[in-house]
Amino acid sequence: MRTKHQEHPAERPPVERRARRRTKRLAKRFAKHCGSVALAAGAGLLSPFALGAQTHAAERDVYVASCRTEVEGSRVTAHCHNPNPGTDRVQLHVECARWWDVDSDSEPVEVGPTAYAELTQRCWKEVGDAWISHQPVSDRR
């Protein structure tokens, strides 16, 4: 008999696996952001012009819409609001729990400044995981 610390990863409840995946994604995003800031600080020592350009690039990565997901049975709904001055392209990704159930991605939706978007996807049976991807849209000038 296995103890709690010896359990196989596949035997963990889906909520725990989802939390671990989300933690890993957030850690990667944080590391990427910190790397940009560190690069900006190093470039600032060399040139004051480089500091302004790199800091602006690091700030652009922060401007993403705030989204929350709701899972009701086999349906996933994402509510996104963009309080930022830039446009963000959001996409809902759904991973179904059953091996025969097809995972799906929604169409990317551009959420402009102060705009709201609602994205919906579903599985035939249970939902395994759901997340939102963000892609900031550059200025079209």
N, C-alpha and C. Protein backbone atom coordinates (compact mmCIF):
# COMPACT_ATOMS: atom_id res chain seq x y z
N MET A 1 0.84 -1.18 0.00
CA MET A 1 0.00 0.00 0.00
C MET A 1 0.89 1.25 0.00
N ARG A 2 0.54 2.20 -0.80
CA ARG A 2 1.34 3.42 -0.92
C ARG A 2 0.89 4.45 0.11
N THR A 3 1.86 5.21 0.59
CA THR A 3 1.51 6.32 1.46
C THR A 3 1.16 7.51 0.60
N LYS A 4 0.76 8.57 1.21
CA LYS A 4 0.36 9.75 0.45
C LYS A 4 1.52 10.33 -0.35
N HIS A 5 2.75 10.23 0.18
CA HIS A 5 3.89 10.80 -0.51
C HIS A 5 4.40 9.91 -1.63
N GLN A 6 3.96 8.65 -1.68
CA GLN A 6 4.44 7.73 -2.70
C GLN A 6 3.42 7.51 -3.80
N GLU A 7 2.34 8.22 -3.82
CA GLU A 7 1.31 7.97 -4.81
C GLU A 7 1.81 8.32 -6.21
N HIS A 8 1.28 7.64 -7.16
CA HIS A 8 1.64 7.84 -8.57
C HIS A 8 1.00 9.15 -9.04
N PRO A 9 1.70 9.94 -9.89
CA PRO A 9 1.12 11.22 -10.34
C PRO A 9 -0.24 11.08 -11.01
N ALA A 10 -0.48 9.97 -11.72
CA ALA A 10 -1.77 9.79 -12.40
C ALA A 10 -2.90 9.54 -11.41
N GLU A 11 -2.56 9.13 -10.16
CA GLU A 11 -3.58 8.86 -9.16
C GLU A 11 -4.00 10.12 -8.41
N ARG A 12 -3.30 11.22 -8.59
CA ARG A 12 -3.67 12.46 -7.92
C ARG A 12 -5.00 12.97 -8.47
N PRO A 13 -5.76 13.65 -7.66
CA PRO A 13 -7.02 14.21 -8.17
C PRO A 13 -6.74 15.26 -9.25
N PRO A 14 -7.66 15.42 -10.23
CA PRO A 14 -7.45 16.37 -11.31
C PRO A 14 -7.21 17.79 -10.83
N VAL A 15 -7.82 18.18 -9.73
CA VAL A 15 -7.67 19.55 -9.22
C VAL A 15 -6.21 19.79 -8.83
N GLU A 16 -5.57 18.80 -8.18
CA GLU A 16 -4.18 18.95 -7.77
C GLU A 16 -3.26 19.04 -9.00
N ARG A 17 -3.53 18.21 -10.03
CA ARG A 17 -2.72 18.28 -11.25
C ARG A 17 -2.88 19.63 -11.92
N ARG A 18 -4.13 20.14 -11.97
CA ARG A 18 -4.38 21.44 -12.57
C ARG A 18 -3.64 22.54 -11.83
N ALA A 19 -3.66 22.47 -10.50
CA ALA A 19 -2.97 23.49 -9.70
C ALA A 19 -1.48 23.45 -9.96
N ARG A 20 -0.91 22.25 -10.08
CA ARG A 20 0.53 22.15 -10.36
C ARG A 20 0.86 22.71 -11.74
N ARG A 21 0.03 22.39 -12.76
CA ARG A 21 0.27 22.92 -14.11
C ARG A 21 0.18 24.44 -14.11
N ARG A 22 -0.83 24.97 -13.43
CA ARG A 22 -1.00 26.43 -13.39
C ARG A 22 0.17 27.09 -12.69
N THR A 23 0.65 26.46 -11.60
CA THR A 23 1.80 27.00 -10.88
C THR A 23 3.03 27.03 -11.78
N LYS A 24 3.23 25.96 -12.56
CA LYS A 24 4.38 25.92 -13.47
C LYS A 24 4.26 27.01 -14.53
N ARG A 25 3.05 27.18 -15.10
CA ARG A 25 2.86 28.22 -16.13
C ARG A 25 3.12 29.61 -15.55
N LEU A 26 2.61 29.87 -14.34
CA LEU A 26 2.82 31.17 -13.73
C LEU A 26 4.30 31.40 -13.40
N ALA A 27 4.99 30.35 -12.97
CA ALA A 27 6.42 30.47 -12.67
C ALA A 27 7.20 30.80 -13.94
N LYS A 28 6.84 30.15 -15.07
CA LYS A 28 7.53 30.45 -16.33
C LYS A 28 7.28 31.90 -16.75
N ARG A 29 6.02 32.35 -16.62
CA ARG A 29 5.69 33.72 -17.01
C ARG A 29 6.44 34.72 -16.13
N PHE A 30 6.50 34.42 -14.81
CA PHE A 30 7.20 35.31 -13.89
C PHE A 30 8.69 35.35 -14.21
N ALA A 31 9.29 34.18 -14.50
CA ALA A 31 10.72 34.13 -14.84
C ALA A 31 11.00 34.91 -16.13
N LYS A 32 10.09 34.80 -17.10
CA LYS A 32 10.26 35.53 -18.35
C LYS A 32 10.21 37.04 -18.09
N HIS A 33 9.25 37.45 -17.25
CA HIS A 33 9.11 38.87 -16.94
C HIS A 33 10.33 39.37 -16.17
N CYS A 34 10.81 38.61 -15.19
CA CYS A 34 11.99 39.02 -14.41
C CYS A 34 13.22 39.09 -15.29
N GLY A 35 13.32 38.17 -16.26
CA GLY A 35 14.46 38.20 -17.18
C GLY A 35 14.44 39.47 -18.02
N SER A 36 13.26 39.90 -18.46
CA SER A 36 13.15 41.14 -19.23
C SER A 36 13.56 42.35 -18.40
N VAL A 37 13.13 42.36 -17.14
CA VAL A 37 13.46 43.48 -16.26
C VAL A 37 14.96 43.50 -15.97
N ALA A 38 15.57 42.32 -15.74
CA ALA A 38 17.01 42.25 -15.48
C ALA A 38 17.79 42.70 -16.71
N LEU A 39 17.34 42.31 -17.88
CA LEU A 39 17.98 42.73 -19.12
C LEU A 39 17.87 44.24 -19.28
N ALA A 40 16.72 44.79 -18.94
CA ALA A 40 16.54 46.23 -19.05
C ALA A 40 17.47 46.97 -18.09
N ALA A 41 17.63 46.45 -16.89
CA ALA A 41 18.51 47.10 -15.92
C ALA A 41 19.96 47.04 -16.38
N GLY A 42 20.38 45.91 -16.94
CA GLY A 42 21.75 45.78 -17.44
C GLY A 42 21.99 46.69 -18.63
N ALA A 43 21.02 46.81 -19.51
CA ALA A 43 21.17 47.68 -20.67
C ALA A 43 21.21 49.15 -20.24
N GLY A 44 20.54 49.46 -19.14
CA GLY A 44 20.53 50.84 -18.65
C GLY A 44 21.90 51.30 -18.19
N LEU A 45 22.72 50.38 -17.75
CA LEU A 45 24.06 50.74 -17.35
C LEU A 45 24.90 51.15 -18.55
N LEU A 46 24.57 50.59 -19.71
CA LEU A 46 25.33 50.89 -20.92
C LEU A 46 24.84 52.15 -21.62
N SER A 47 23.54 52.33 -21.64
CA SER A 47 22.99 53.46 -22.38
C SER A 47 21.64 53.86 -21.79
N PRO A 48 21.41 55.14 -21.56
CA PRO A 48 20.10 55.55 -21.04
C PRO A 48 18.98 55.33 -22.05
N PHE A 49 19.31 55.33 -23.36
CA PHE A 49 18.29 55.10 -24.38
C PHE A 49 17.83 53.65 -24.37
N ALA A 50 18.75 52.72 -24.15
CA ALA A 50 18.40 51.30 -24.11
C ALA A 50 17.49 51.01 -22.92
N LEU A 51 17.73 51.68 -21.81
CA LEU A 51 16.91 51.46 -20.63
C LEU A 51 15.45 51.79 -20.92
N GLY A 52 15.20 52.91 -21.55
CA GLY A 52 13.83 53.30 -21.86
C GLY A 52 13.15 52.32 -22.80
N ALA A 53 13.86 51.82 -23.80
CA ALA A 53 13.28 50.89 -24.76
C ALA A 53 12.98 49.55 -24.10
N GLN A 54 13.90 49.04 -23.29
CA GLN A 54 13.70 47.74 -22.66
C GLN A 54 12.63 47.80 -21.58
N THR A 55 12.58 48.87 -20.83
CA THR A 55 11.56 49.00 -19.80
C THR A 55 10.18 49.06 -20.45
N HIS A 56 10.06 49.77 -21.56
CA HIS A 56 8.79 49.84 -22.26
C HIS A 56 8.38 48.45 -22.75
N ALA A 57 9.34 47.66 -23.24
CA ALA A 57 9.03 46.31 -23.70
C ALA A 57 8.58 45.44 -22.54
N ALA A 58 9.21 45.59 -21.38
CA ALA A 58 8.82 44.80 -20.20
C ALA A 58 7.42 45.19 -19.74
N GLU A 59 7.08 46.47 -19.80
CA GLU A 59 5.74 46.91 -19.39
C GLU A 59 4.67 46.39 -20.34
N ARG A 60 4.98 46.28 -21.62
CA ARG A 60 4.01 45.79 -22.59
C ARG A 60 3.58 44.36 -22.27
N ASP A 61 4.48 43.52 -21.74
CA ASP A 61 4.14 42.15 -21.41
C ASP A 61 3.14 42.06 -20.26
N VAL A 62 3.09 43.08 -19.43
CA VAL A 62 2.19 43.07 -18.28
C VAL A 62 0.75 43.35 -18.71
N TYR A 63 0.54 44.04 -19.80
CA TYR A 63 -0.80 44.43 -20.23
C TYR A 63 -1.54 43.28 -20.88
N VAL A 64 -2.18 42.46 -20.08
CA VAL A 64 -3.04 41.40 -20.60
C VAL A 64 -4.40 41.53 -19.91
N ALA A 65 -5.41 41.01 -20.56
CA ALA A 65 -6.76 41.06 -20.00
C ALA A 65 -6.84 40.15 -18.78
N SER A 66 -7.67 40.53 -17.83
CA SER A 66 -7.89 39.66 -16.67
C SER A 66 -9.06 38.72 -17.01
N CYS A 67 -8.80 37.43 -16.86
CA CYS A 67 -9.80 36.42 -17.24
C CYS A 67 -10.06 35.48 -16.08
N ARG A 68 -11.27 34.96 -16.03
CA ARG A 68 -11.60 33.92 -15.08
C ARG A 68 -12.40 32.85 -15.82
N THR A 69 -12.21 31.60 -15.44
CA THR A 69 -12.91 30.50 -16.10
C THR A 69 -13.87 29.84 -15.13
N GLU A 70 -14.97 29.37 -15.67
CA GLU A 70 -15.98 28.65 -14.89
C GLU A 70 -16.24 27.32 -15.59
N VAL A 71 -16.24 26.24 -14.84
CA VAL A 71 -16.54 24.91 -15.38
C VAL A 71 -17.86 24.45 -14.78
N GLU A 72 -18.83 24.22 -15.65
CA GLU A 72 -20.13 23.70 -15.22
C GLU A 72 -20.39 22.43 -16.00
N GLY A 73 -20.19 21.28 -15.34
CA GLY A 73 -20.37 20.00 -16.02
C GLY A 73 -19.32 19.82 -17.11
N SER A 74 -19.78 19.78 -18.36
CA SER A 74 -18.85 19.60 -19.47
C SER A 74 -18.61 20.89 -20.25
N ARG A 75 -19.13 22.01 -19.76
CA ARG A 75 -19.00 23.29 -20.45
C ARG A 75 -18.06 24.22 -19.69
N VAL A 76 -17.17 24.89 -20.43
CA VAL A 76 -16.23 25.85 -19.85
C VAL A 76 -16.55 27.23 -20.42
N THR A 77 -16.65 28.22 -19.55
CA THR A 77 -16.88 29.60 -19.98
C THR A 77 -15.78 30.47 -19.40
N ALA A 78 -15.20 31.30 -20.24
CA ALA A 78 -14.18 32.25 -19.80
C ALA A 78 -14.72 33.66 -19.95
N HIS A 79 -14.57 34.47 -18.91
CA HIS A 79 -14.99 35.86 -18.93
C HIS A 79 -13.72 36.70 -18.86
N CYS A 80 -13.48 37.51 -19.88
CA CYS A 80 -12.26 38.33 -19.94
C CYS A 80 -12.63 39.81 -20.02
N HIS A 81 -11.93 40.61 -19.23
CA HIS A 81 -12.09 42.07 -19.27
C HIS A 81 -10.70 42.68 -19.38
N ASN A 82 -10.55 43.65 -20.26
CA ASN A 82 -9.26 44.29 -20.48
C ASN A 82 -9.29 45.72 -19.95
N PRO A 83 -8.73 45.96 -18.76
CA PRO A 83 -8.71 47.31 -18.21
C PRO A 83 -7.50 48.12 -18.70
N ASN A 84 -6.68 47.54 -19.56
CA ASN A 84 -5.43 48.15 -19.99
C ASN A 84 -5.58 48.95 -21.28
N PRO A 85 -4.62 49.82 -21.58
CA PRO A 85 -4.71 50.64 -22.79
C PRO A 85 -4.40 49.88 -24.07
N GLY A 86 -3.81 48.70 -23.98
CA GLY A 86 -3.47 47.92 -25.19
C GLY A 86 -4.50 46.84 -25.45
N THR A 87 -4.48 46.31 -26.69
CA THR A 87 -5.39 45.24 -27.08
C THR A 87 -4.73 43.89 -26.78
N ASP A 88 -5.52 42.95 -26.29
CA ASP A 88 -5.03 41.61 -25.96
C ASP A 88 -5.84 40.60 -26.75
N ARG A 89 -5.16 39.63 -27.35
CA ARG A 89 -5.83 38.55 -28.08
C ARG A 89 -5.88 37.35 -27.14
N VAL A 90 -7.10 36.92 -26.76
CA VAL A 90 -7.26 35.81 -25.82
C VAL A 90 -7.82 34.59 -26.55
N GLN A 91 -7.50 33.41 -26.01
CA GLN A 91 -7.98 32.16 -26.60
C GLN A 91 -8.19 31.16 -25.46
N LEU A 92 -9.32 30.47 -25.49
CA LEU A 92 -9.66 29.47 -24.48
C LEU A 92 -9.22 28.10 -24.96
N HIS A 93 -8.51 27.36 -24.12
CA HIS A 93 -8.05 26.01 -24.44
C HIS A 93 -8.68 25.06 -23.43
N VAL A 94 -9.28 23.97 -23.93
CA VAL A 94 -9.94 23.00 -23.07
C VAL A 94 -9.36 21.62 -23.34
N GLU A 95 -8.94 20.97 -22.25
CA GLU A 95 -8.42 19.60 -22.32
C GLU A 95 -9.45 18.71 -21.64
N CYS A 96 -9.99 17.75 -22.39
CA CYS A 96 -11.03 16.88 -21.85
C CYS A 96 -10.42 15.73 -21.06
N ALA A 97 -11.17 15.22 -20.08
CA ALA A 97 -10.67 14.19 -19.19
C ALA A 97 -10.60 12.82 -19.87
N ARG A 98 -11.53 12.51 -20.72
CA ARG A 98 -11.57 11.19 -21.38
C ARG A 98 -10.61 11.15 -22.55
N TRP A 99 -9.95 10.02 -22.76
CA TRP A 99 -8.95 9.91 -23.83
C TRP A 99 -9.60 10.02 -25.21
N TRP A 100 -10.84 9.63 -25.36
CA TRP A 100 -11.50 9.66 -26.66
C TRP A 100 -12.18 10.99 -26.94
N ASP A 101 -12.24 11.84 -25.94
CA ASP A 101 -12.89 13.14 -26.09
C ASP A 101 -11.90 14.14 -26.70
N VAL A 102 -12.32 14.85 -27.71
CA VAL A 102 -11.43 15.74 -28.45
C VAL A 102 -11.18 17.04 -27.67
N ASP A 103 -9.90 17.37 -27.45
CA ASP A 103 -9.55 18.65 -26.84
C ASP A 103 -9.84 19.76 -27.86
N SER A 104 -10.15 20.95 -27.36
CA SER A 104 -10.52 22.01 -28.29
C SER A 104 -9.95 23.36 -27.88
N ASP A 105 -9.80 24.22 -28.87
CA ASP A 105 -9.36 25.60 -28.67
C ASP A 105 -10.38 26.51 -29.33
N SER A 106 -10.69 27.61 -28.67
CA SER A 106 -11.63 28.57 -29.27
C SER A 106 -10.89 29.42 -30.29
N GLU A 107 -11.65 30.15 -31.05
CA GLU A 107 -11.05 31.13 -31.97
C GLU A 107 -10.44 32.25 -31.14
N PRO A 108 -9.29 32.79 -31.56
CA PRO A 108 -8.74 33.93 -30.82
C PRO A 108 -9.66 35.15 -30.94
N VAL A 109 -9.83 35.85 -29.83
CA VAL A 109 -10.69 37.03 -29.80
C VAL A 109 -9.87 38.21 -29.32
N GLU A 110 -9.94 39.32 -30.04
CA GLU A 110 -9.23 40.53 -29.62
C GLU A 110 -10.11 41.31 -28.63
N VAL A 111 -9.53 41.57 -27.46
CA VAL A 111 -10.24 42.33 -26.42
C VAL A 111 -9.54 43.68 -26.32
N GLY A 112 -10.20 44.71 -26.81
CA GLY A 112 -9.63 46.05 -26.81
C GLY A 112 -9.67 46.68 -25.42
N PRO A 113 -9.15 47.89 -25.32
CA PRO A 113 -9.17 48.61 -24.04
C PRO A 113 -10.59 48.77 -23.53
N THR A 114 -10.80 48.48 -22.28
CA THR A 114 -12.08 48.54 -21.56
C THR A 114 -13.15 47.62 -22.17
N ALA A 115 -12.76 46.63 -22.96
CA ALA A 115 -13.73 45.73 -23.58
C ALA A 115 -13.88 44.45 -22.76
N TYR A 116 -14.93 43.69 -23.08
CA TYR A 116 -15.26 42.45 -22.38
C TYR A 116 -15.52 41.37 -23.42
N ALA A 117 -15.08 40.15 -23.16
CA ALA A 117 -15.34 39.03 -24.07
C ALA A 117 -15.70 37.80 -23.26
N GLU A 118 -16.55 36.96 -23.86
CA GLU A 118 -16.94 35.71 -23.22
C GLU A 118 -16.67 34.59 -24.21
N LEU A 119 -15.88 33.61 -23.81
CA LEU A 119 -15.52 32.48 -24.67
C LEU A 119 -16.10 31.21 -24.06
N THR A 120 -16.60 30.31 -24.91
CA THR A 120 -17.19 29.07 -24.43
C THR A 120 -16.69 27.89 -25.25
N GLN A 121 -16.41 26.78 -24.59
CA GLN A 121 -16.04 25.51 -25.22
C GLN A 121 -16.64 24.41 -24.37
N ARG A 122 -16.64 23.18 -24.93
CA ARG A 122 -17.19 22.08 -24.14
C ARG A 122 -16.54 20.76 -24.52
N CYS A 123 -16.70 19.80 -23.64
CA CYS A 123 -16.31 18.41 -23.87
C CYS A 123 -17.59 17.58 -23.90
N TRP A 124 -17.50 16.34 -24.37
CA TRP A 124 -18.68 15.48 -24.34
C TRP A 124 -18.94 15.02 -22.92
N LYS A 125 -17.87 14.71 -22.19
CA LYS A 125 -18.02 14.27 -20.79
C LYS A 125 -17.35 15.28 -19.87
N GLU A 126 -16.43 14.83 -19.01
CA GLU A 126 -15.81 15.70 -18.03
C GLU A 126 -14.69 16.56 -18.63
N VAL A 127 -14.49 17.72 -18.02
CA VAL A 127 -13.40 18.63 -18.39
C VAL A 127 -12.19 18.28 -17.54
N GLY A 128 -11.03 18.09 -18.18
CA GLY A 128 -9.81 17.80 -17.45
C GLY A 128 -9.09 19.06 -17.02
N ASP A 129 -8.95 20.01 -17.93
CA ASP A 129 -8.22 21.24 -17.65
C ASP A 129 -8.68 22.32 -18.62
N ALA A 130 -8.61 23.56 -18.20
CA ALA A 130 -8.97 24.69 -19.05
C ALA A 130 -8.08 25.87 -18.70
N TRP A 131 -7.60 26.59 -19.72
CA TRP A 131 -6.76 27.75 -19.48
C TRP A 131 -6.91 28.75 -20.61
N ILE A 132 -6.46 29.95 -20.35
CA ILE A 132 -6.53 31.06 -21.30
C ILE A 132 -5.11 31.40 -21.73
N SER A 133 -4.92 31.62 -23.04
CA SER A 133 -3.62 32.12 -23.50
C SER A 133 -3.82 33.57 -23.95
N HIS A 134 -2.78 34.37 -23.73
CA HIS A 134 -2.81 35.79 -24.06
C HIS A 134 -1.74 36.11 -25.09
N GLN A 135 -2.07 36.98 -26.02
CA GLN A 135 -1.10 37.46 -26.98
C GLN A 135 -1.37 38.95 -27.20
N PRO A 136 -0.54 39.81 -26.59
CA PRO A 136 -0.75 41.25 -26.77
C PRO A 136 -0.65 41.62 -28.26
N VAL A 137 -1.54 42.47 -28.72
CA VAL A 137 -1.56 42.90 -30.12
C VAL A 137 -0.76 44.19 -30.22
N SER A 138 0.18 44.24 -31.17
CA SER A 138 0.98 45.45 -31.33
C SER A 138 0.14 46.55 -31.99
N ASP A 139 0.58 47.78 -31.81
CA ASP A 139 -0.12 48.93 -32.41
C ASP A 139 -0.10 48.79 -33.92
N ARG A 140 -1.19 49.18 -34.55
CA ARG A 140 -1.33 49.04 -36.01
C ARG A 140 -1.04 50.34 -36.75
N ARG A 141 -0.22 51.16 -36.18
CA ARG A 141 0.08 52.46 -36.81
C ARG A 141 1.05 52.32 -37.93
